[in-house]
Amino acid sequence: VIAMRIIPSTIITYDTLWRVNQSDILISKDNIIINNLTINHNNEYFRFEGKISPDPSDKLNLFFNNFNLGNLNVITQTEGFNLEGVLNGKADFSGLFTNPLFVTHFTIDSLIINNEKLGTAQIISSWNNQNKSIEIQANALKEKLKTVDIEGSYYLNNHGLDFDIQLNKLRMNLFNPYVAKLADNLRGTASGSLTLKGTIEKPLLNGEITFQKASFTVKYL
């Protein structure tokens, strides 16, 4: 058995001071127990707490409270995403030694992607052990309008994608970083139904989209 105590300490990431609280971690042959490992900055924090063991009723919980998504931009900006918003929710993990399961339920208030406000987003996911896939439901609600609704599966064994996507008056400004080599000032809204198949490496997007008040400037070759 290994018993560890994390003493109160601080971490600085990109000029942001994070505080790590005192926490105890116990590791044995079949168990890992984490007691209130919390990392916070002012009123935002994320916390690990719970137990990992062969018993499927034991769970490891990951909580987010008022977590600023801007903290992730150092990672996401390299992929063309600039994020803003406040993340709340939790993830539950169990059976990681035998029959892994997890369920997540996150809410993002005032989600903004690439300076385009999407509103309140909800993301629910779970692990399908039979198919070895992550089942995902996600949507964004701007005032009373559900601009994005996504449901489907991501398969870990072959990185496969199988998603249905519904768009309803989604503003196209947020796609400007992805078409920057071809066009500028992409504007307007998009509505329609799409399917996302293929793999992460070679995604295949099909469907019909209706554009409203769409405009862009094509760059000279």
Protein backbone atom coordinates (compact mmCIF):
# COMPACT_ATOMS: atom_id res chain seq x y z
CA VAL A 1 0.00 0.00 0.00
CA ILE A 2 1.27 3.45 -0.92
CA ALA A 3 -0.11 6.45 0.98
CA MET A 4 0.60 9.92 -0.36
CA ARG A 5 -0.31 13.31 1.02
CA ILE A 6 -0.34 16.31 -1.28
CA ILE A 7 0.51 19.39 0.71
CA PRO A 8 -1.00 22.81 -0.09
CA SER A 9 0.91 24.35 -2.99
CA THR A 10 0.54 26.68 -5.95
CA ILE A 11 0.89 26.31 -9.72
CA ILE A 12 1.34 29.18 -12.17
CA THR A 13 0.15 28.64 -15.75
CA TYR A 14 0.30 31.55 -18.19
CA ASP A 15 0.14 34.20 -15.44
CA THR A 16 -2.72 32.44 -13.63
CA LEU A 17 -2.14 31.29 -10.06
CA TRP A 18 -3.79 27.98 -9.15
CA ARG A 19 -3.91 26.64 -5.60
CA VAL A 20 -3.71 22.93 -4.81
CA ASN A 21 -5.37 21.95 -1.54
CA GLN A 22 -4.19 19.28 0.86
CA SER A 23 -5.27 15.85 -0.31
CA ASP A 24 -4.63 12.19 0.50
CA ILE A 25 -4.17 9.47 -2.11
CA LEU A 26 -4.08 5.77 -1.21
CA ILE A 27 -2.85 3.20 -3.75
CA SER A 28 -3.06 -0.55 -3.23
CA LYS A 29 -3.08 -3.57 -5.53
CA ASP A 30 -6.74 -3.22 -6.52
CA ASN A 31 -7.71 0.22 -5.29
CA ILE A 32 -6.91 3.88 -5.81
CA ILE A 33 -8.59 6.29 -3.41
CA ILE A 34 -8.42 10.04 -3.94
CA ASN A 35 -9.69 12.31 -1.19
CA ASN A 36 -10.71 15.81 -2.31
CA LEU A 37 -7.90 16.75 -4.69
CA THR A 38 -8.97 20.29 -5.60
CA ILE A 39 -7.19 22.81 -7.80
CA ASN A 40 -8.73 26.28 -7.79
CA HIS A 41 -8.26 29.83 -9.00
CA ASN A 42 -10.52 32.26 -7.12
CA ASN A 43 -14.04 30.80 -7.48
CA GLU A 44 -13.25 28.36 -10.31
CA TYR A 45 -11.98 24.88 -9.61
CA PHE A 46 -11.83 21.27 -10.68
CA ARG A 47 -11.77 18.42 -8.19
CA PHE A 48 -11.03 14.69 -8.17
CA GLU A 49 -12.66 12.56 -5.49
CA GLY A 50 -13.60 8.91 -5.14
CA LYS A 51 -12.35 5.37 -5.55
CA ILE A 52 -11.20 3.17 -8.43
CA SER A 53 -11.55 -0.56 -7.82
CA PRO A 54 -12.91 -3.78 -9.42
CA ASP A 55 -16.22 -3.05 -7.66
CA PRO A 56 -18.45 -1.35 -10.30
CA SER A 57 -20.26 0.59 -7.58
CA ASP A 58 -17.05 2.49 -6.74
CA LYS A 59 -16.67 5.72 -8.70
CA LEU A 60 -14.06 8.35 -9.33
CA ASN A 61 -15.70 11.76 -9.74
CA LEU A 62 -14.33 14.77 -11.60
CA PHE A 63 -16.11 18.05 -10.83
CA PHE A 64 -15.85 21.39 -12.63
CA ASN A 65 -17.14 24.59 -11.01
CA ASN A 66 -17.11 27.96 -12.82
CA PHE A 67 -14.15 26.74 -14.88
CA ASN A 68 -13.14 29.33 -17.48
CA LEU A 69 -12.72 27.63 -20.88
CA GLY A 70 -10.20 30.31 -21.79
CA ASN A 71 -7.73 28.28 -19.72
CA LEU A 72 -7.76 25.70 -22.53
CA ASN A 73 -6.89 28.09 -25.36
CA VAL A 74 -3.19 27.32 -25.11
CA ILE A 75 -4.20 23.86 -26.37
CA THR A 76 -7.19 24.59 -28.61
CA GLN A 77 -5.79 27.61 -30.48
CA THR A 78 -3.34 25.38 -32.33
CA GLU A 79 -6.41 23.57 -33.76
CA GLY A 80 -8.14 26.81 -34.76
CA PHE A 81 -10.45 27.10 -31.75
CA ASN A 82 -10.56 30.13 -29.46
CA LEU A 83 -12.88 29.38 -26.53
CA GLU A 84 -14.76 31.43 -23.97
CA GLY A 85 -17.40 30.36 -21.49
CA VAL A 86 -17.92 28.93 -18.01
CA LEU A 87 -17.95 25.15 -17.52
CA ASN A 88 -19.89 23.39 -14.77
CA GLY A 89 -20.67 19.71 -14.29
CA LYS A 90 -19.12 16.37 -13.49
CA ALA A 91 -17.85 13.10 -14.87
CA ASP A 92 -18.20 9.72 -13.14
CA PHE A 93 -15.75 6.88 -13.86
CA SER A 94 -16.15 3.29 -12.64
CA GLY A 95 -14.94 -0.24 -13.39
CA LEU A 96 -11.70 1.03 -14.88
CA PHE A 97 -9.90 -2.23 -14.00
CA THR A 98 -12.48 -4.58 -15.54
CA ASN A 99 -15.50 -3.11 -17.35
CA PRO A 100 -14.81 0.60 -17.83
CA LEU A 101 -17.77 2.94 -17.71
CA PHE A 102 -18.09 6.69 -17.58
CA VAL A 103 -20.86 9.25 -17.74
CA THR A 104 -20.40 13.00 -18.14
CA HIS A 105 -22.84 15.86 -17.90
CA PHE A 106 -21.47 19.34 -18.55
CA THR A 107 -23.09 22.72 -19.04
CA ILE A 108 -21.27 25.68 -20.57
CA ASP A 109 -22.70 29.14 -19.94
CA SER A 110 -22.09 31.87 -22.54
CA LEU A 111 -20.14 29.61 -24.87
CA ILE A 112 -18.15 31.59 -27.44
CA ILE A 113 -16.12 29.95 -30.21
CA ASN A 114 -13.87 32.12 -32.38
CA ASN A 115 -15.61 35.26 -31.07
CA GLU A 116 -19.06 33.94 -32.05
CA LYS A 117 -21.55 33.51 -29.20
CA LEU A 118 -23.39 30.17 -29.27
CA GLY A 119 -25.25 30.58 -25.98
CA THR A 120 -25.70 27.84 -23.38
CA ALA A 121 -24.28 24.46 -24.35
CA GLN A 122 -24.95 21.05 -22.86
CA ILE A 123 -22.74 18.00 -23.38
CA ILE A 124 -23.72 14.51 -22.21
CA SER A 125 -21.55 11.49 -22.94
CA SER A 126 -21.17 7.89 -21.84
CA TRP A 127 -19.01 4.86 -22.59
CA ASN A 128 -20.56 1.98 -24.54
CA ASN A 129 -18.39 -0.97 -23.55
CA GLN A 130 -20.04 -3.38 -26.00
CA ASN A 131 -19.27 -1.18 -29.02
CA LYS A 132 -16.12 0.37 -27.51
CA SER A 133 -17.53 3.76 -28.34
CA ILE A 134 -18.23 7.09 -26.70
CA GLU A 135 -21.88 8.08 -27.09
CA ILE A 136 -22.28 11.85 -27.26
CA GLN A 137 -25.22 14.26 -27.15
CA ALA A 138 -24.48 17.97 -27.43
CA ASN A 139 -26.46 21.08 -28.20
CA ALA A 140 -26.24 24.85 -28.00
CA LEU A 141 -29.20 27.07 -27.10
CA LYS A 142 -29.01 30.77 -28.01
CA GLU A 143 -31.91 32.49 -26.28
CA LYS A 144 -34.75 30.11 -27.31
CA LEU A 145 -33.14 28.87 -30.51
CA LYS A 146 -31.26 25.53 -30.60
CA THR A 147 -28.62 26.46 -33.16
CA VAL A 148 -26.67 23.18 -32.96
CA ASP A 149 -27.81 19.67 -32.05
CA ILE A 150 -25.31 16.78 -32.30
CA GLU A 151 -25.84 13.12 -31.47
CA GLY A 152 -23.76 10.07 -32.27
CA SER A 153 -20.79 7.83 -31.54
CA TYR A 154 -17.02 7.96 -31.62
CA TYR A 155 -15.33 4.53 -31.89
CA LEU A 156 -11.98 4.24 -30.15
CA ASN A 157 -10.72 1.12 -31.94
CA ASN A 158 -10.64 2.72 -35.40
CA HIS A 159 -11.28 6.42 -34.59
CA GLY A 160 -14.59 6.06 -36.43
CA LEU A 161 -17.26 8.77 -36.49
CA ASP A 162 -21.03 8.31 -36.73
CA PHE A 163 -22.87 11.54 -35.96
CA ASP A 164 -26.10 13.29 -36.94
CA ILE A 165 -25.91 17.08 -36.87
CA GLN A 166 -28.78 19.57 -37.02
CA LEU A 167 -28.09 23.26 -37.66
CA ASN A 168 -30.66 26.01 -37.17
CA LYS A 169 -29.61 29.54 -38.12
CA LEU A 170 -26.05 28.92 -36.98
CA ARG A 171 -23.91 31.97 -37.66
CA MET A 172 -21.06 31.09 -40.00
CA ASN A 173 -18.59 33.63 -38.63
CA LEU A 174 -17.11 30.98 -36.35
CA PHE A 175 -15.81 29.04 -39.38
CA ASN A 176 -13.64 31.90 -40.64
CA PRO A 177 -10.37 30.41 -39.26
CA TYR A 178 -10.98 27.19 -41.25
CA VAL A 179 -11.55 28.87 -44.62
CA ALA A 180 -8.94 31.59 -44.17
CA LYS A 181 -6.78 30.20 -47.01
CA LEU A 182 -9.67 30.42 -49.46
CA ALA A 183 -11.93 33.25 -48.32
CA ASP A 184 -12.38 36.17 -45.94
CA ASN A 185 -15.34 37.60 -44.02
CA LEU A 186 -17.60 34.55 -44.12
CA ARG A 187 -21.01 35.73 -42.89
CA GLY A 188 -24.63 34.68 -42.75
CA THR A 189 -26.44 31.74 -41.15
CA ALA A 190 -26.71 28.04 -41.95
CA SER A 191 -29.59 25.60 -41.38
CA GLY A 192 -29.90 21.96 -42.33
CA SER A 193 -29.12 18.32 -41.56
CA LEU A 194 -25.70 16.69 -41.84
CA THR A 195 -24.06 13.35 -41.17
CA LEU A 196 -20.47 13.03 -40.04
CA LYS A 197 -18.89 9.68 -40.92
CA GLY A 198 -15.41 8.42 -41.68
CA THR A 199 -12.62 8.80 -39.14
CA ILE A 200 -10.90 11.55 -37.21
CA GLU A 201 -8.12 11.45 -39.81
CA LYS A 202 -10.51 11.42 -42.81
CA PRO A 203 -13.91 12.81 -41.80
CA LEU A 204 -16.77 12.65 -44.32
CA LEU A 205 -19.45 15.34 -43.98
CA ASN A 206 -22.63 15.00 -46.06
CA GLY A 207 -26.03 16.64 -46.06
CA GLU A 208 -28.03 19.63 -47.19
CA ILE A 209 -27.59 23.15 -45.84
CA THR A 210 -29.57 26.29 -46.55
CA PHE A 211 -27.68 29.57 -46.27
CA GLN A 212 -29.31 32.87 -45.40
CA LYS A 213 -27.72 36.25 -46.12
CA ALA A 214 -24.46 34.46 -46.84
CA SER A 215 -21.45 36.40 -48.09
CA PHE A 216 -17.67 35.99 -48.31
CA THR A 217 -14.69 37.33 -50.21
CA VAL A 218 -12.70 34.88 -52.32
CA LYS A 219 -8.95 35.29 -52.16
CA TYR A 220 -6.93 35.55 -55.35
CA LEU A 221 -4.91 32.44 -56.16
